Amino acid sequence: MKKLLLVAIILGVGGYFAYAKVLRPAPKRACDHLAALCGESRDKDSDDKSCTEFFDELGKSGGEENGKTATCVLEAKSCAEAIGCTAGGAVKIGAGVAKGFLDGFQKSVK
């Protein structure tokens, strides 16, 4: 019985770490990594959703860029590098908005 309990505990802890480090979506892991690199304490129950909203918006406007930016943040070794990754993602959002504006403008002028 003790062995079974020990195996269950080990599987539970292993499952948690697998979820936290691998299975959880990259944007959520990227937000935690960004907070850790920049020295911010990020609570799991925090009401601040700006980071995840940023990645959601990036996914809506940039398609695959959402994953590229999150991967860039996850691979960053310093706060400045991670901020650079998010700045690049923000430029992608702006470029997508500008392209949509110009497409709509062209349609209305024709």
C-alpha atoms as a PDB file:
ATOM      1  CA  MET A   1       0.000   0.000   0.000  1.00  0.00           C
ATOM      2  CA  LYS A   2       2.869   2.387   0.793  1.00  0.00           C
ATOM      3  CA  LYS A   3       4.479   1.661  -2.572  1.00  0.00           C
ATOM      4  CA  LEU A   4       1.229   2.440  -4.370  1.00  0.00           C
ATOM      5  CA  LEU A   5       0.904   5.733  -2.498  1.00  0.00           C
ATOM      6  CA  LEU A   6       4.521   6.613  -3.310  1.00  0.00           C
ATOM      7  CA  VAL A   7       3.975   5.837  -7.016  1.00  0.00           C
ATOM      8  CA  ALA A   8       0.806   7.966  -7.027  1.00  0.00           C
ATOM      9  CA  ILE A   9       2.652  10.901  -5.458  1.00  0.00           C
ATOM     10  CA  ILE A  10       5.532  10.613  -7.925  1.00  0.00           C
ATOM     11  CA  LEU A  11       3.131  10.457 -10.873  1.00  0.00           C
ATOM     12  CA  GLY A  12       1.212  13.459  -9.560  1.00  0.00           C
ATOM     13  CA  VAL A  13       4.334  15.576  -9.136  1.00  0.00           C
ATOM     14  CA  GLY A  14       5.683  14.458 -12.519  1.00  0.00           C
ATOM     15  CA  GLY A  15       2.374  15.242 -14.183  1.00  0.00           C
ATOM     16  CA  TYR A  16       2.323  18.718 -12.679  1.00  0.00           C
ATOM     17  CA  PHE A  17       5.841  19.509 -13.916  1.00  0.00           C
ATOM     18  CA  ALA A  18       5.065  18.085 -17.359  1.00  0.00           C
ATOM     19  CA  TYR A  19       2.029  20.345 -17.586  1.00  0.00           C
ATOM     20  CA  ALA A  20       3.833  23.414 -16.254  1.00  0.00           C
ATOM     21  CA  LYS A  21       6.922  23.069 -18.460  1.00  0.00           C
ATOM     22  CA  VAL A  22       5.695  21.334 -21.627  1.00  0.00           C
ATOM     23  CA  LEU A  23       1.951  20.848 -22.029  1.00  0.00           C
ATOM     24  CA  ARG A  24       0.731  24.293 -20.982  1.00  0.00           C
ATOM     25  CA  PRO A  25       0.236  26.607 -23.977  1.00  0.00           C
ATOM     26  CA  ALA A  26       3.373  28.492 -24.988  1.00  0.00           C
ATOM     27  CA  PRO A  27       1.873  31.988 -24.508  1.00  0.00           C
ATOM     28  CA  LYS A  28       1.040  31.250 -20.860  1.00  0.00           C
ATOM     29  CA  ARG A  29       4.496  29.821 -20.241  1.00  0.00           C
ATOM     30  CA  ALA A  30       5.991  32.842 -22.016  1.00  0.00           C
ATOM     31  CA  CYS A  31       4.145  35.238 -19.690  1.00  0.00           C
ATOM     32  CA  ASP A  32       5.515  33.423 -16.638  1.00  0.00           C
ATOM     33  CA  HIS A  33       9.033  33.337 -18.123  1.00  0.00           C
ATOM     34  CA  LEU A  34       8.860  37.052 -18.966  1.00  0.00           C
ATOM     35  CA  ALA A  35       7.805  37.869 -15.410  1.00  0.00           C
ATOM     36  CA  ALA A  36      10.598  35.696 -13.994  1.00  0.00           C
ATOM     37  CA  LEU A  37      13.262  37.289 -16.206  1.00  0.00           C
ATOM     38  CA  CYS A  38      12.162  40.831 -15.433  1.00  0.00           C
ATOM     39  CA  GLY A  39      11.928  40.246 -11.695  1.00  0.00           C
ATOM     40  CA  GLU A  40       8.178  40.594 -11.315  1.00  0.00           C
ATOM     41  CA  SER A  41       6.240  38.372  -8.979  1.00  0.00           C
ATOM     42  CA  ARG A  42       3.418  36.850 -10.979  1.00  0.00           C
ATOM     43  CA  ASP A  43       0.648  35.163  -8.996  1.00  0.00           C
ATOM     44  CA  LYS A  44      -1.259  32.361 -10.656  1.00  0.00           C
ATOM     45  CA  ASP A  45      -4.543  33.994  -9.553  1.00  0.00           C
ATOM     46  CA  SER A  46      -3.520  37.482 -10.611  1.00  0.00           C
ATOM     47  CA  ASP A  47      -6.128  39.711 -12.238  1.00  0.00           C
ATOM     48  CA  ASP A  48      -3.511  41.173 -14.599  1.00  0.00           C
ATOM     49  CA  LYS A  49      -4.290  39.563 -17.930  1.00  0.00           C
ATOM     50  CA  SER A  50      -2.400  42.026 -20.132  1.00  0.00           C
ATOM     51  CA  CYS A  51       0.292  39.533 -21.112  1.00  0.00           C
ATOM     52  CA  THR A  52      -2.111  36.771 -22.119  1.00  0.00           C
ATOM     53  CA  GLU A  53      -4.338  39.332 -23.865  1.00  0.00           C
ATOM     54  CA  PHE A  54      -1.278  40.479 -25.829  1.00  0.00           C
ATOM     55  CA  PHE A  55      -0.644  36.946 -27.063  1.00  0.00           C
ATOM     56  CA  ASP A  56      -4.352  36.472 -27.836  1.00  0.00           C
ATOM     57  CA  GLU A  57      -4.370  39.652 -29.927  1.00  0.00           C
ATOM     58  CA  LEU A  58      -1.163  38.566 -31.608  1.00  0.00           C
ATOM     59  CA  GLY A  59      -2.801  35.259 -32.508  1.00  0.00           C
ATOM     60  CA  LYS A  60      -5.831  37.029 -33.981  1.00  0.00           C
ATOM     61  CA  SER A  61      -3.880  39.451 -36.110  1.00  0.00           C
ATOM     62  CA  GLY A  62      -0.708  37.539 -36.853  1.00  0.00           C
ATOM     63  CA  GLY A  63      -1.703  33.899 -37.119  1.00  0.00           C
ATOM     64  CA  GLU A  64       1.476  31.866 -36.670  1.00  0.00           C
ATOM     65  CA  GLU A  65       3.346  34.859 -35.226  1.00  0.00           C
ATOM     66  CA  ASN A  66       1.711  34.115 -31.851  1.00  0.00           C
ATOM     67  CA  GLY A  67       3.750  30.914 -31.518  1.00  0.00           C
ATOM     68  CA  LYS A  68       6.933  32.496 -32.870  1.00  0.00           C
ATOM     69  CA  THR A  69       6.826  35.357 -30.398  1.00  0.00           C
ATOM     70  CA  ALA A  70       6.049  33.048 -27.471  1.00  0.00           C
ATOM     71  CA  THR A  71       8.913  30.746 -28.468  1.00  0.00           C
ATOM     72  CA  CYS A  72      11.241  33.736 -28.721  1.00  0.00           C
ATOM     73  CA  VAL A  73      10.280  34.829 -25.186  1.00  0.00           C
ATOM     74  CA  LEU A  74      10.724  31.282 -23.868  1.00  0.00           C
ATOM     75  CA  GLU A  75      14.233  31.097 -25.366  1.00  0.00           C
ATOM     76  CA  ALA A  76      15.239  34.538 -24.032  1.00  0.00           C
ATOM     77  CA  LYS A  77      18.073  34.614 -21.507  1.00  0.00           C
ATOM     78  CA  SER A  78      17.551  38.190 -20.258  1.00  0.00           C
ATOM     79  CA  CYS A  79      14.738  40.624 -19.621  1.00  0.00           C
ATOM     80  CA  ALA A  80      15.900  42.882 -22.454  1.00  0.00           C
ATOM     81  CA  GLU A  81      15.873  40.003 -24.923  1.00  0.00           C
ATOM     82  CA  ALA A  82      12.370  38.954 -23.854  1.00  0.00           C
ATOM     83  CA  ILE A  83      11.116  42.543 -24.140  1.00  0.00           C
ATOM     84  CA  GLY A  84      12.643  42.666 -27.627  1.00  0.00           C
ATOM     85  CA  CYS A  85      10.665  39.567 -28.579  1.00  0.00           C
ATOM     86  CA  THR A  86       7.418  41.132 -27.379  1.00  0.00           C
ATOM     87  CA  ALA A  87       8.252  44.404 -29.157  1.00  0.00           C
ATOM     88  CA  GLY A  88       8.672  42.461 -32.382  1.00  0.00           C
ATOM     89  CA  GLY A  89       5.282  40.868 -31.788  1.00  0.00           C
ATOM     90  CA  ALA A  90       3.743  44.291 -31.182  1.00  0.00           C
ATOM     91  CA  VAL A  91       5.146  45.493 -34.503  1.00  0.00           C
ATOM     92  CA  LYS A  92       3.491  42.486 -36.160  1.00  0.00           C
ATOM     93  CA  ILE A  93       0.159  43.479 -34.586  1.00  0.00           C
ATOM     94  CA  GLY A  94       0.598  47.061 -35.828  1.00  0.00           C
ATOM     95  CA  ALA A  95       1.531  45.892 -39.313  1.00  0.00           C
ATOM     96  CA  GLY A  96      -1.555  43.670 -39.434  1.00  0.00           C
ATOM     97  CA  VAL A  97      -3.800  46.542 -38.366  1.00  0.00           C
ATOM     98  CA  ALA A  98      -2.206  48.902 -40.885  1.00  0.00           C
ATOM     99  CA  LYS A  99      -2.615  46.344 -43.683  1.00  0.00           C
ATOM    100  CA  GLY A 100      -6.277  45.871 -42.784  1.00  0.00           C
ATOM    101  CA  PHE A 101      -6.788  49.632 -42.774  1.00  0.00           C
ATOM    102  CA  LEU A 102      -5.168  50.029 -46.191  1.00  0.00           C
ATOM    103  CA  ASP A 103      -7.155  47.123 -47.660  1.00  0.00           C
ATOM    104  CA  GLY A 104     -10.402  48.671 -46.418  1.00  0.00           C
ATOM    105  CA  PHE A 105      -9.377  52.096 -47.671  1.00  0.00           C
ATOM    106  CA  GLN A 106      -8.606  50.717 -51.154  1.00  0.00           C
ATOM    107  CA  LYS A 107     -12.002  48.982 -51.310  1.00  0.00           C
ATOM    108  CA  SER A 108     -13.841  52.169 -50.408  1.00  0.00           C
ATOM    109  CA  VAL A 109     -11.943  54.298 -52.956  1.00  0.00           C
ATOM    110  CA  LYS A 110     -12.545  51.952 -55.919  1.00  0.00           C
END
